[in-house]
Amino acid sequence: MEIDRKLKLFYLTSVFSLLFAVLGFSYNAWRMEITEDNNNIRTAAFEVLTQLSEMQQMIYAAHYDKDLQEGNPRKIWVKVGLIIDLSALISVQVEAQANELRSLWSDSWQRVNDDETITQNLITQIDNVRNEIKVALKKLQ
């Protein structure tokens, strides 16, 4: 009888230990995945913020300085493309704002040099993307 009780206690301890190990491993794997996702989101967000500020500077150069070398629309198109690509890694809301920025740029890039309203609309949309990025970063776990 004593041996049966010891065996039951041993089996129970073994099962509990195995469950505890599997649970701990599962949590650790989940946490590592979340951490990696958050790191990817942060990296993409910081790169998009950098690209947005460079885009803003180029728009200002094109409009206020009439510097078509620094404010070259083809260079800005490259920035817009990178912003679109990276915004998909951050959040759906950031991606939507980035797509609005691309649409606005697509519709108005020819008039940036001469139209103050277009320039201000673009800067406002750049700020909208920035704000969505800040919201997404604050939501990270």
C-alpha atoms as a PDB file:
ATOM      1  CA  MET A   1       0.000   0.000   0.000  1.00  0.00           C
ATOM      2  CA  GLU A   2       2.758   2.422   0.938  1.00  0.00           C
ATOM      3  CA  ILE A   3       4.460   1.822  -2.421  1.00  0.00           C
ATOM      4  CA  ASP A   4       1.214   2.477  -4.318  1.00  0.00           C
ATOM      5  CA  ARG A   5       0.801   5.814  -2.606  1.00  0.00           C
ATOM      6  CA  LYS A   6       4.409   6.762  -3.298  1.00  0.00           C
ATOM      7  CA  LEU A   7       4.001   5.778  -6.965  1.00  0.00           C
ATOM      8  CA  LYS A   8       0.808   7.831  -7.265  1.00  0.00           C
ATOM      9  CA  LEU A   9       2.574  10.797  -5.667  1.00  0.00           C
ATOM     10  CA  PHE A  10       5.527  10.317  -8.034  1.00  0.00           C
ATOM     11  CA  TYR A  11       3.239  10.139 -11.103  1.00  0.00           C
ATOM     12  CA  LEU A  12       1.253  13.147  -9.962  1.00  0.00           C
ATOM     13  CA  THR A  13       4.448  15.125  -9.380  1.00  0.00           C
ATOM     14  CA  SER A  14       5.775  14.060 -12.788  1.00  0.00           C
ATOM     15  CA  VAL A  15       2.582  15.075 -14.604  1.00  0.00           C
ATOM     16  CA  PHE A  16       2.448  18.395 -12.763  1.00  0.00           C
ATOM     17  CA  SER A  17       6.120  19.085 -13.564  1.00  0.00           C
ATOM     18  CA  LEU A  18       5.568  18.251 -17.232  1.00  0.00           C
ATOM     19  CA  LEU A  19       2.495  20.504 -17.432  1.00  0.00           C
ATOM     20  CA  PHE A  20       4.349  23.304 -15.684  1.00  0.00           C
ATOM     21  CA  ALA A  21       7.300  22.972 -18.111  1.00  0.00           C
ATOM     22  CA  VAL A  22       5.022  22.966 -21.184  1.00  0.00           C
ATOM     23  CA  LEU A  23       3.092  25.949 -19.871  1.00  0.00           C
ATOM     24  CA  GLY A  24       6.297  27.859 -19.136  1.00  0.00           C
ATOM     25  CA  PHE A  25       7.745  27.056 -22.544  1.00  0.00           C
ATOM     26  CA  SER A  26       4.521  28.088 -24.282  1.00  0.00           C
ATOM     27  CA  TYR A  27       4.398  31.408 -22.443  1.00  0.00           C
ATOM     28  CA  ASN A  28       8.061  32.059 -23.187  1.00  0.00           C
ATOM     29  CA  ALA A  29       7.602  31.326 -26.909  1.00  0.00           C
ATOM     30  CA  TRP A  30       4.501  33.559 -27.049  1.00  0.00           C
ATOM     31  CA  ARG A  31       6.286  36.384 -25.221  1.00  0.00           C
ATOM     32  CA  MET A  32       9.309  36.157 -27.525  1.00  0.00           C
ATOM     33  CA  GLU A  33       7.023  36.339 -30.571  1.00  0.00           C
ATOM     34  CA  ILE A  34       5.213  39.405 -29.192  1.00  0.00           C
ATOM     35  CA  THR A  35       8.539  41.046 -28.369  1.00  0.00           C
ATOM     36  CA  GLU A  36       9.826  40.395 -31.894  1.00  0.00           C
ATOM     37  CA  ASP A  37       6.616  41.783 -33.427  1.00  0.00           C
ATOM     38  CA  ASN A  38       6.861  44.889 -31.245  1.00  0.00           C
ATOM     39  CA  ASN A  39      10.496  45.344 -32.225  1.00  0.00           C
ATOM     40  CA  ASN A  40       9.594  45.102 -35.928  1.00  0.00           C
ATOM     41  CA  ILE A  41       6.772  47.621 -35.472  1.00  0.00           C
ATOM     42  CA  ARG A  42       9.062  50.051 -33.619  1.00  0.00           C
ATOM     43  CA  THR A  43      11.800  49.751 -36.231  1.00  0.00           C
ATOM     44  CA  ALA A  44       9.340  50.321 -39.085  1.00  0.00           C
ATOM     45  CA  ALA A  45       7.699  53.210 -37.221  1.00  0.00           C
ATOM     46  CA  PHE A  46      10.965  55.019 -36.585  1.00  0.00           C
ATOM     47  CA  GLU A  47      12.010  54.575 -40.207  1.00  0.00           C
ATOM     48  CA  VAL A  48       8.654  55.915 -41.441  1.00  0.00           C
ATOM     49  CA  LEU A  49       8.975  58.905 -39.115  1.00  0.00           C
ATOM     50  CA  THR A  50      12.412  59.592 -40.586  1.00  0.00           C
ATOM     51  CA  GLN A  51      11.097  59.287 -44.133  1.00  0.00           C
ATOM     52  CA  LEU A  52       8.156  61.572 -43.337  1.00  0.00           C
ATOM     53  CA  SER A  53      10.435  64.283 -41.990  1.00  0.00           C
ATOM     54  CA  GLU A  54      12.682  64.019 -45.051  1.00  0.00           C
ATOM     55  CA  MET A  55       9.623  64.167 -47.300  1.00  0.00           C
ATOM     56  CA  GLN A  56       8.384  67.249 -45.465  1.00  0.00           C
ATOM     57  CA  GLN A  57      11.783  68.907 -45.879  1.00  0.00           C
ATOM     58  CA  MET A  58      11.779  68.117 -49.606  1.00  0.00           C
ATOM     59  CA  ILE A  59       8.269  69.528 -50.030  1.00  0.00           C
ATOM     60  CA  TYR A  60       9.342  72.712 -48.252  1.00  0.00           C
ATOM     61  CA  ALA A  61      12.412  72.947 -50.507  1.00  0.00           C
ATOM     62  CA  ALA A  62      10.259  72.540 -53.601  1.00  0.00           C
ATOM     63  CA  HIS A  63       7.584  75.021 -52.525  1.00  0.00           C
ATOM     64  CA  TYR A  64       9.324  77.717 -50.506  1.00  0.00           C
ATOM     65  CA  ASP A  65      12.855  77.574 -51.907  1.00  0.00           C
ATOM     66  CA  LYS A  66      11.835  76.618 -55.450  1.00  0.00           C
ATOM     67  CA  ASP A  67      14.746  74.166 -55.275  1.00  0.00           C
ATOM     68  CA  LEU A  68      13.822  71.424 -57.715  1.00  0.00           C
ATOM     69  CA  GLN A  69      17.023  69.543 -57.035  1.00  0.00           C
ATOM     70  CA  GLU A  70      16.411  69.163 -53.297  1.00  0.00           C
ATOM     71  CA  GLY A  71      12.629  69.015 -53.784  1.00  0.00           C
ATOM     72  CA  ASN A  72      12.745  66.664 -56.746  1.00  0.00           C
ATOM     73  CA  PRO A  73       9.359  64.906 -57.105  1.00  0.00           C
ATOM     74  CA  ARG A  74      11.029  61.631 -58.142  1.00  0.00           C
ATOM     75  CA  LYS A  75      12.938  61.567 -54.846  1.00  0.00           C
ATOM     76  CA  ILE A  76       9.716  62.214 -52.984  1.00  0.00           C
ATOM     77  CA  TRP A  77       8.013  59.380 -54.898  1.00  0.00           C
ATOM     78  CA  VAL A  78      10.709  57.028 -53.592  1.00  0.00           C
ATOM     79  CA  LYS A  79      10.022  58.229 -50.045  1.00  0.00           C
ATOM     80  CA  VAL A  80       6.278  57.760 -50.536  1.00  0.00           C
ATOM     81  CA  GLY A  81       6.846  54.207 -51.770  1.00  0.00           C
ATOM     82  CA  LEU A  82       8.983  53.333 -48.760  1.00  0.00           C
ATOM     83  CA  ILE A  83       6.449  54.897 -46.391  1.00  0.00           C
ATOM     84  CA  ILE A  84       3.680  52.805 -47.959  1.00  0.00           C
ATOM     85  CA  ASP A  85       5.724  49.608 -47.740  1.00  0.00           C
ATOM     86  CA  LEU A  86       6.726  50.084 -44.106  1.00  0.00           C
ATOM     87  CA  SER A  87       3.353  51.385 -42.926  1.00  0.00           C
ATOM     88  CA  ALA A  88       1.834  47.959 -43.589  1.00  0.00           C
ATOM     89  CA  LEU A  89       4.120  46.585 -40.854  1.00  0.00           C
ATOM     90  CA  ILE A  90       2.935  49.087 -38.252  1.00  0.00           C
ATOM     91  CA  SER A  91      -0.882  49.018 -38.218  1.00  0.00           C
ATOM     92  CA  VAL A  92      -3.921  49.117 -40.449  1.00  0.00           C
ATOM     93  CA  GLN A  93      -4.618  52.705 -39.399  1.00  0.00           C
ATOM     94  CA  VAL A  94      -1.092  53.861 -40.245  1.00  0.00           C
ATOM     95  CA  GLU A  95      -1.327  52.065 -43.580  1.00  0.00           C
ATOM     96  CA  ALA A  96      -4.645  53.823 -44.327  1.00  0.00           C
ATOM     97  CA  GLN A  97      -3.161  57.252 -43.518  1.00  0.00           C
ATOM     98  CA  ALA A  98      -0.079  56.475 -45.612  1.00  0.00           C
ATOM     99  CA  ASN A  99      -2.302  55.484 -48.532  1.00  0.00           C
ATOM    100  CA  GLU A 100      -4.146  58.790 -48.172  1.00  0.00           C
ATOM    101  CA  LEU A 101      -0.772  60.545 -48.275  1.00  0.00           C
ATOM    102  CA  ARG A 102       0.173  58.654 -51.440  1.00  0.00           C
ATOM    103  CA  SER A 103      -3.170  59.516 -53.034  1.00  0.00           C
ATOM    104  CA  LEU A 104      -2.820  63.193 -52.128  1.00  0.00           C
ATOM    105  CA  TRP A 105       0.769  63.269 -53.413  1.00  0.00           C
ATOM    106  CA  SER A 106      -0.280  61.496 -56.614  1.00  0.00           C
ATOM    107  CA  ASP A 107      -3.044  64.008 -57.259  1.00  0.00           C
ATOM    108  CA  SER A 108      -1.047  67.129 -56.473  1.00  0.00           C
ATOM    109  CA  TRP A 109       2.704  66.657 -56.901  1.00  0.00           C
ATOM    110  CA  GLN A 110       2.768  68.762 -60.097  1.00  0.00           C
ATOM    111  CA  ARG A 111       1.422  71.814 -58.235  1.00  0.00           C
ATOM    112  CA  VAL A 112       3.512  71.697 -55.036  1.00  0.00           C
ATOM    113  CA  ASN A 113       5.917  74.348 -56.314  1.00  0.00           C
ATOM    114  CA  ASP A 114       3.218  76.976 -56.818  1.00  0.00           C
ATOM    115  CA  ASP A 115       0.201  76.112 -54.630  1.00  0.00           C
ATOM    116  CA  GLU A 116       0.329  76.914 -50.917  1.00  0.00           C
ATOM    117  CA  THR A 117      -2.903  75.016 -50.217  1.00  0.00           C
ATOM    118  CA  ILE A 118      -1.545  71.822 -51.771  1.00  0.00           C
ATOM    119  CA  THR A 119       1.643  72.166 -49.744  1.00  0.00           C
ATOM    120  CA  GLN A 120      -0.290  72.661 -46.505  1.00  0.00           C
ATOM    121  CA  ASN A 121      -2.591  69.710 -47.302  1.00  0.00           C
ATOM    122  CA  LEU A 122       0.430  67.480 -47.814  1.00  0.00           C
ATOM    123  CA  ILE A 123       2.025  68.631 -44.562  1.00  0.00           C
ATOM    124  CA  THR A 124      -1.268  68.054 -42.733  1.00  0.00           C
ATOM    125  CA  GLN A 125      -1.456  64.524 -44.132  1.00  0.00           C
ATOM    126  CA  ILE A 126       2.167  63.875 -43.130  1.00  0.00           C
ATOM    127  CA  ASP A 127       1.176  64.950 -39.600  1.00  0.00           C
ATOM    128  CA  ASN A 128      -1.816  62.580 -39.733  1.00  0.00           C
ATOM    129  CA  VAL A 129       0.502  59.669 -40.523  1.00  0.00           C
ATOM    130  CA  ARG A 130       2.811  60.738 -37.679  1.00  0.00           C
ATOM    131  CA  ASN A 131      -0.087  60.870 -35.239  1.00  0.00           C
ATOM    132  CA  GLU A 132      -1.267  57.374 -36.199  1.00  0.00           C
ATOM    133  CA  ILE A 133       2.263  56.070 -35.702  1.00  0.00           C
ATOM    134  CA  LYS A 134       2.345  57.551 -32.208  1.00  0.00           C
ATOM    135  CA  VAL A 135      -0.973  55.890 -31.395  1.00  0.00           C
ATOM    136  CA  ALA A 136       0.303  52.538 -32.700  1.00  0.00           C
ATOM    137  CA  LEU A 137       3.508  52.802 -30.653  1.00  0.00           C
ATOM    138  CA  LYS A 138       1.569  53.573 -27.485  1.00  0.00           C
ATOM    139  CA  LYS A 139      -0.543  50.424 -27.984  1.00  0.00           C
ATOM    140  CA  LEU A 140       2.444  48.068 -27.993  1.00  0.00           C
ATOM    141  CA  GLN A 141       2.534  45.506 -25.207  1.00  0.00           C
END
